[in-house]
Each structure stands twice: as C-alpha cells, then as structure tokens.
Amino acid sequence: MNDKAEELRAVRPPKAVVFDVGNVLIEWDPRNLYRKLLPDEAAVERFLAEICPPEWNLAQDAGRSWADGVAEAVARHPDQAVLIEAFDRRWRETVPGPIDANVALLRSLRTSGLPVFAITNFSAEKWAECLERFDFLTLFDDAVVSAHERLVKPDPRIYEVLFDRQLRPRGLAPADALFLDDSPANVAASEALGMPAIRVTPDLDLAALLRARGLPV
C-alpha cells in the first residue's frame, strides 16, 4: 500500500460517490477523430486550438445545440466546413470506448447499495447518444448533466445542483461524498465546496484508493 492509500485509511468512508464521465468512465479525445482527417499532429493541434477550440466545444456542453455550434464555427472558417461538420457527424469516433476498470468500480459501488451520482460536462445530444451506447451510464441514482442545467464545471453552481437535489434530501453533506474527476480545476472546485475529490489519471490505481477510503470495490 502506498503512502497516499495509507493516509486515506484515516478518512471516514464516503456515503456517496460522484463520478465525472468523460475520461473517467469513457474515453474522450477529439484527436481520435482528427488524426484520421488531418495530415499530421501539428495540423490536428492547430485545428483543435484555432478552429474548434475547447471553449467552442464547452458551449455545446453549456446547452448550445450542435447545429448552432457547427454553424457558428463554419461562419468563422467557411473553408474548414467539412472538418468542422465532422466533429458533430463523426463525434462517436472521439469516444472509442469505456474505461473498463473504472466502469467495474461503478458497478461494484452500485451493487453494494451505495448512492452513486454523476456531474458531467456534456451536450444534451451527445449525452443521449451515450446513454444508448453505454448501458452503465444508466446506473446512476442521478446524473447532473451540464447542458440540462445550463451550467458547466467548475462553476460551483453545478455542484450545488447535486447537493440540493440529492445529498441534502438524504441528510448528507458535501463532506459525506467523494468526487472523481480528471480535471484539476473541477477537483479544486469540488474541494473548495467541501466535497473531497480524487483526480483520476490513466496511471492511478483508483481501486486501491477507493478501498483505502473504506469503499466496497
């Protein structure tokens, strides 16, 4: 057991676990698509920084439709229309599949009876698509989806949606839950609101950390 896991043994077991989805339960990277469409890595990075940058994608997560998002980007870069439209039409290729080890943890927690929730930045259209594609996304007791709330992480208000809708009615405080997210900013926002968090990275032994916190995985 590493020092981090030993340290966490002293922490009381969480009474609920809150998952991010992208790059925690499913892989997501638009490079997976654009490496097929552009000649080299430099062209991919330039396209994703200048034509369809993260803030453009985040507007869909905040509630803008993909049709409107594509139209806005095409208006800025009409010569890139085919590539921009591919982000929507071939979005499935940005999500190659589940992160199996973490999905297994979600299933174990659900089977144990512990409440499991999600707070995720996702467009309404792509969330609906993923619900059909990945059955485990229906396991949550509740999923707070940014496009549905018109709020995106790390805005504190999206965390408060979960606190007010699910935790407080169950007699739970933010400190009683554990948040799992791959973004340092989202983890920091959670901790600032009193909800402990773990930043999920590809090399992290998440199962060991959860067991060290007394969770049944």
Protein backbone atom coordinates (compact mmCIF):
# COMPACT_ATOMS: atom_id res chain seq x y z
CA MET A 1 0.00 0.00 0.00
CA ASN A 2 1.44 3.39 -0.95
CA ASP A 3 1.64 6.39 1.38
CA LYS A 4 -1.41 8.04 -0.20
CA ALA A 5 -3.56 4.99 0.37
CA GLU A 6 -2.34 4.66 3.96
CA GLU A 7 -3.19 8.32 4.58
CA LEU A 8 -6.70 7.79 3.26
CA ARG A 9 -7.35 4.92 5.66
CA ALA A 10 -7.85 7.55 8.36
CA VAL A 11 -10.63 9.24 6.37
CA ARG A 12 -14.20 8.19 7.13
CA PRO A 13 -15.79 6.13 4.35
CA PRO A 14 -17.83 8.21 1.92
CA LYS A 15 -21.59 7.75 1.98
CA ALA A 16 -21.92 8.53 -1.74
CA VAL A 17 -19.64 8.64 -4.77
CA VAL A 18 -19.92 11.20 -7.56
CA PHE A 19 -18.39 10.41 -10.96
CA ASP A 20 -17.33 12.56 -13.84
CA VAL A 21 -17.92 10.70 -17.12
CA GLY A 22 -15.50 11.83 -19.83
CA ASN A 23 -12.04 10.33 -19.26
CA VAL A 24 -13.24 8.74 -16.04
CA LEU A 25 -15.78 6.21 -17.33
CA ILE A 26 -15.48 6.67 -21.08
CA GLU A 27 -12.51 7.76 -23.16
CA TRP A 28 -12.93 11.08 -24.94
CA ASP A 29 -10.44 12.89 -27.14
CA PRO A 30 -11.27 14.67 -30.42
CA ARG A 31 -7.76 13.79 -31.57
CA ASN A 32 -9.04 10.26 -32.07
CA LEU A 33 -11.11 11.63 -34.96
CA TYR A 34 -8.88 14.34 -36.37
CA ARG A 35 -5.81 12.14 -36.61
CA LYS A 36 -7.79 10.35 -39.33
CA LEU A 37 -8.68 13.56 -41.13
CA LEU A 38 -5.57 15.73 -40.94
CA PRO A 39 -2.06 15.03 -42.22
CA ASP A 40 0.00 15.32 -39.04
CA GLU A 41 -0.08 16.05 -35.31
CA ALA A 42 0.70 19.72 -35.78
CA ALA A 43 -2.34 20.14 -38.04
CA VAL A 44 -4.53 18.34 -35.52
CA GLU A 45 -3.39 20.55 -32.66
CA ARG A 46 -3.79 23.70 -34.75
CA PHE A 47 -7.35 22.75 -35.73
CA LEU A 48 -8.33 21.99 -32.12
CA ALA A 49 -6.77 25.20 -30.87
CA GLU A 50 -7.96 27.62 -33.55
CA ILE A 51 -10.98 26.22 -35.40
CA CYS A 52 -12.82 24.10 -32.80
CA PRO A 53 -11.10 25.05 -29.54
CA PRO A 54 -12.12 23.74 -26.10
CA GLU A 55 -14.28 26.79 -25.37
CA TRP A 56 -16.24 26.16 -28.58
CA ASN A 57 -16.95 22.58 -27.51
CA LEU A 58 -17.78 23.76 -23.99
CA ALA A 59 -20.55 25.94 -25.39
CA GLN A 60 -22.31 22.75 -26.52
CA ASP A 61 -21.79 21.35 -23.02
CA ALA A 62 -23.41 24.53 -21.69
CA GLY A 63 -26.54 23.95 -23.76
CA ARG A 64 -25.90 25.25 -27.26
CA SER A 65 -27.10 22.83 -29.91
CA TRP A 66 -24.56 21.12 -32.11
CA ALA A 67 -26.28 22.55 -35.18
CA ASP A 68 -25.76 26.06 -33.83
CA GLY A 69 -22.21 25.28 -32.77
CA VAL A 70 -21.27 23.96 -36.17
CA ALA A 71 -22.94 26.93 -37.90
CA GLU A 72 -21.01 29.37 -35.72
CA ALA A 73 -17.67 27.72 -36.45
CA VAL A 74 -18.37 27.43 -40.17
CA ALA A 75 -19.25 31.12 -40.28
CA ARG A 76 -15.80 31.87 -38.82
CA HIS A 77 -13.94 29.39 -41.01
CA PRO A 78 -16.01 28.54 -44.13
CA ASP A 79 -13.01 26.88 -45.75
CA GLN A 80 -12.97 24.33 -42.90
CA ALA A 81 -16.68 23.43 -43.12
CA VAL A 82 -16.21 19.73 -43.85
CA LEU A 83 -13.79 19.26 -40.98
CA ILE A 84 -15.98 21.24 -38.58
CA GLU A 85 -19.09 19.27 -39.52
CA ALA A 86 -17.20 16.05 -38.87
CA PHE A 87 -16.93 16.95 -35.18
CA ASP A 88 -20.69 16.51 -34.96
CA ARG A 89 -21.35 13.83 -37.60
CA ARG A 90 -18.45 11.62 -36.51
CA TRP A 91 -18.47 12.50 -32.81
CA ARG A 92 -18.74 8.81 -31.92
CA GLU A 93 -15.16 8.39 -33.11
CA THR A 94 -13.97 10.81 -30.42
CA VAL A 95 -15.19 8.26 -27.84
CA PRO A 96 -13.53 4.93 -28.64
CA GLY A 97 -14.98 3.08 -25.67
CA PRO A 98 -15.33 2.67 -21.92
CA ILE A 99 -12.56 2.76 -19.32
CA ASP A 100 -13.28 -0.77 -18.17
CA ALA A 101 -11.51 -0.72 -14.80
CA ASN A 102 -13.41 2.37 -13.66
CA VAL A 103 -16.72 1.07 -15.00
CA ALA A 104 -16.15 -2.05 -12.88
CA LEU A 105 -15.76 0.20 -9.82
CA LEU A 106 -19.04 1.95 -10.64
CA ARG A 107 -20.80 -1.40 -10.95
CA SER A 108 -19.36 -2.61 -7.63
CA LEU A 109 -20.45 0.53 -5.82
CA ARG A 110 -23.92 0.31 -7.32
CA THR A 111 -24.23 -3.37 -6.32
CA SER A 112 -23.18 -2.50 -2.77
CA GLY A 113 -26.13 -0.14 -2.44
CA LEU A 114 -24.04 3.00 -2.03
CA PRO A 115 -25.61 6.01 -3.79
CA VAL A 116 -23.75 6.85 -7.00
CA PHE A 117 -24.18 10.08 -8.93
CA ALA A 118 -22.61 11.93 -11.85
CA ILE A 119 -21.74 15.54 -12.51
CA THR A 120 -20.63 15.77 -16.11
CA ASN A 121 -19.97 18.39 -18.76
CA PHE A 122 -21.85 17.00 -21.75
CA SER A 123 -24.03 18.29 -24.57
CA ALA A 124 -27.64 17.14 -24.42
CA GLU A 125 -27.43 15.44 -27.81
CA LYS A 126 -24.23 13.53 -27.15
CA TRP A 127 -25.38 12.54 -23.66
CA ALA A 128 -28.49 10.96 -25.18
CA GLU A 129 -26.29 9.16 -27.70
CA CYS A 130 -24.01 7.83 -24.97
CA LEU A 131 -26.94 6.64 -22.85
CA GLU A 132 -27.90 4.37 -25.74
CA ARG A 133 -24.34 3.26 -26.35
CA PHE A 134 -23.14 2.65 -22.77
CA ASP A 135 -25.62 0.86 -20.50
CA PHE A 136 -23.60 1.63 -17.35
CA LEU A 137 -24.49 5.32 -17.64
CA THR A 138 -27.99 4.37 -16.51
CA LEU A 139 -26.67 3.06 -13.19
CA PHE A 140 -26.51 6.48 -11.52
CA ASP A 141 -29.11 7.41 -8.95
CA ASP A 142 -28.98 10.81 -10.66
CA ALA A 143 -26.80 12.46 -13.30
CA VAL A 144 -26.33 16.23 -13.30
CA VAL A 145 -25.62 16.99 -16.97
CA SER A 146 -24.25 20.42 -17.76
CA ALA A 147 -26.36 21.03 -20.88
CA HIS A 148 -29.54 20.21 -18.98
CA GLU A 149 -28.64 22.65 -16.20
CA ARG A 150 -27.03 25.32 -18.41
CA LEU A 151 -24.06 25.22 -16.05
CA VAL A 152 -20.60 23.76 -16.61
CA LYS A 153 -17.89 22.63 -14.24
CA PRO A 154 -16.01 24.13 -12.50
CA ASP A 155 -18.85 26.59 -11.83
CA PRO A 156 -19.76 25.94 -8.16
CA ARG A 157 -23.45 26.14 -9.01
CA ILE A 158 -23.44 22.82 -10.88
CA TYR A 159 -22.15 21.07 -7.78
CA GLU A 160 -24.83 22.78 -5.72
CA VAL A 161 -27.45 21.26 -8.03
CA LEU A 162 -26.40 17.82 -6.84
CA PHE A 163 -26.11 18.90 -3.23
CA ASP A 164 -29.63 20.36 -3.23
CA ARG A 165 -31.26 17.68 -5.38
CA GLN A 166 -29.69 14.56 -3.91
CA LEU A 167 -27.31 14.94 -0.98
CA ARG A 168 -29.17 17.25 1.39
CA PRO A 169 -32.55 15.49 0.95
CA ARG A 170 -30.76 12.30 2.06
CA GLY A 171 -29.34 14.01 5.12
CA LEU A 172 -25.85 14.12 3.57
CA ALA A 173 -23.40 16.99 3.45
CA PRO A 174 -20.88 17.57 0.65
CA ALA A 175 -18.23 16.19 3.01
CA ASP A 176 -20.06 12.85 3.02
CA ALA A 177 -19.50 12.34 -0.71
CA LEU A 178 -16.40 11.64 -2.80
CA PHE A 179 -15.95 13.19 -6.26
CA LEU A 180 -13.92 11.58 -9.06
CA ASP A 181 -12.84 13.78 -11.99
CA ASP A 182 -9.90 14.03 -14.39
CA SER A 183 -9.75 17.84 -14.41
CA PRO A 184 -7.61 19.64 -11.79
CA ALA A 185 -9.95 22.66 -11.97
CA ASN A 186 -13.03 20.53 -11.34
CA VAL A 187 -11.35 18.71 -8.46
CA ALA A 188 -10.31 22.03 -6.91
CA ALA A 189 -13.86 23.41 -7.22
CA SER A 190 -15.28 20.32 -5.52
CA GLU A 191 -12.82 20.55 -2.65
CA ALA A 192 -13.49 24.28 -2.23
CA LEU A 193 -17.16 23.41 -1.69
CA GLY A 194 -16.27 20.82 0.95
CA MET A 195 -16.65 17.67 -1.18
CA PRO A 196 -13.45 15.58 -1.11
CA ALA A 197 -12.16 14.66 -4.54
CA ILE A 198 -9.68 12.45 -6.34
CA ARG A 199 -8.16 13.48 -9.64
CA VAL A 200 -8.40 10.46 -11.94
CA THR A 201 -5.44 9.90 -14.26
CA PRO A 202 -4.61 6.95 -16.52
CA ASP A 203 -1.83 5.71 -14.24
CA LEU A 204 -3.79 6.00 -10.99
CA ASP A 205 -4.73 2.85 -9.06
CA LEU A 206 -8.20 4.18 -8.35
CA ALA A 207 -9.45 0.89 -6.92
CA ALA A 208 -6.72 0.93 -4.27
CA LEU A 209 -7.55 4.50 -3.27
CA LEU A 210 -11.26 3.71 -3.01
CA ARG A 211 -10.59 0.63 -0.90
CA ALA A 212 -8.32 2.71 1.32
CA ARG A 213 -11.27 5.01 1.94
CA GLY A 214 -13.34 2.03 3.04
CA LEU A 215 -15.40 1.68 -0.12
CA PRO A 216 -16.63 -1.77 -1.20
CA VAL A 217 -14.81 -2.21 -4.52
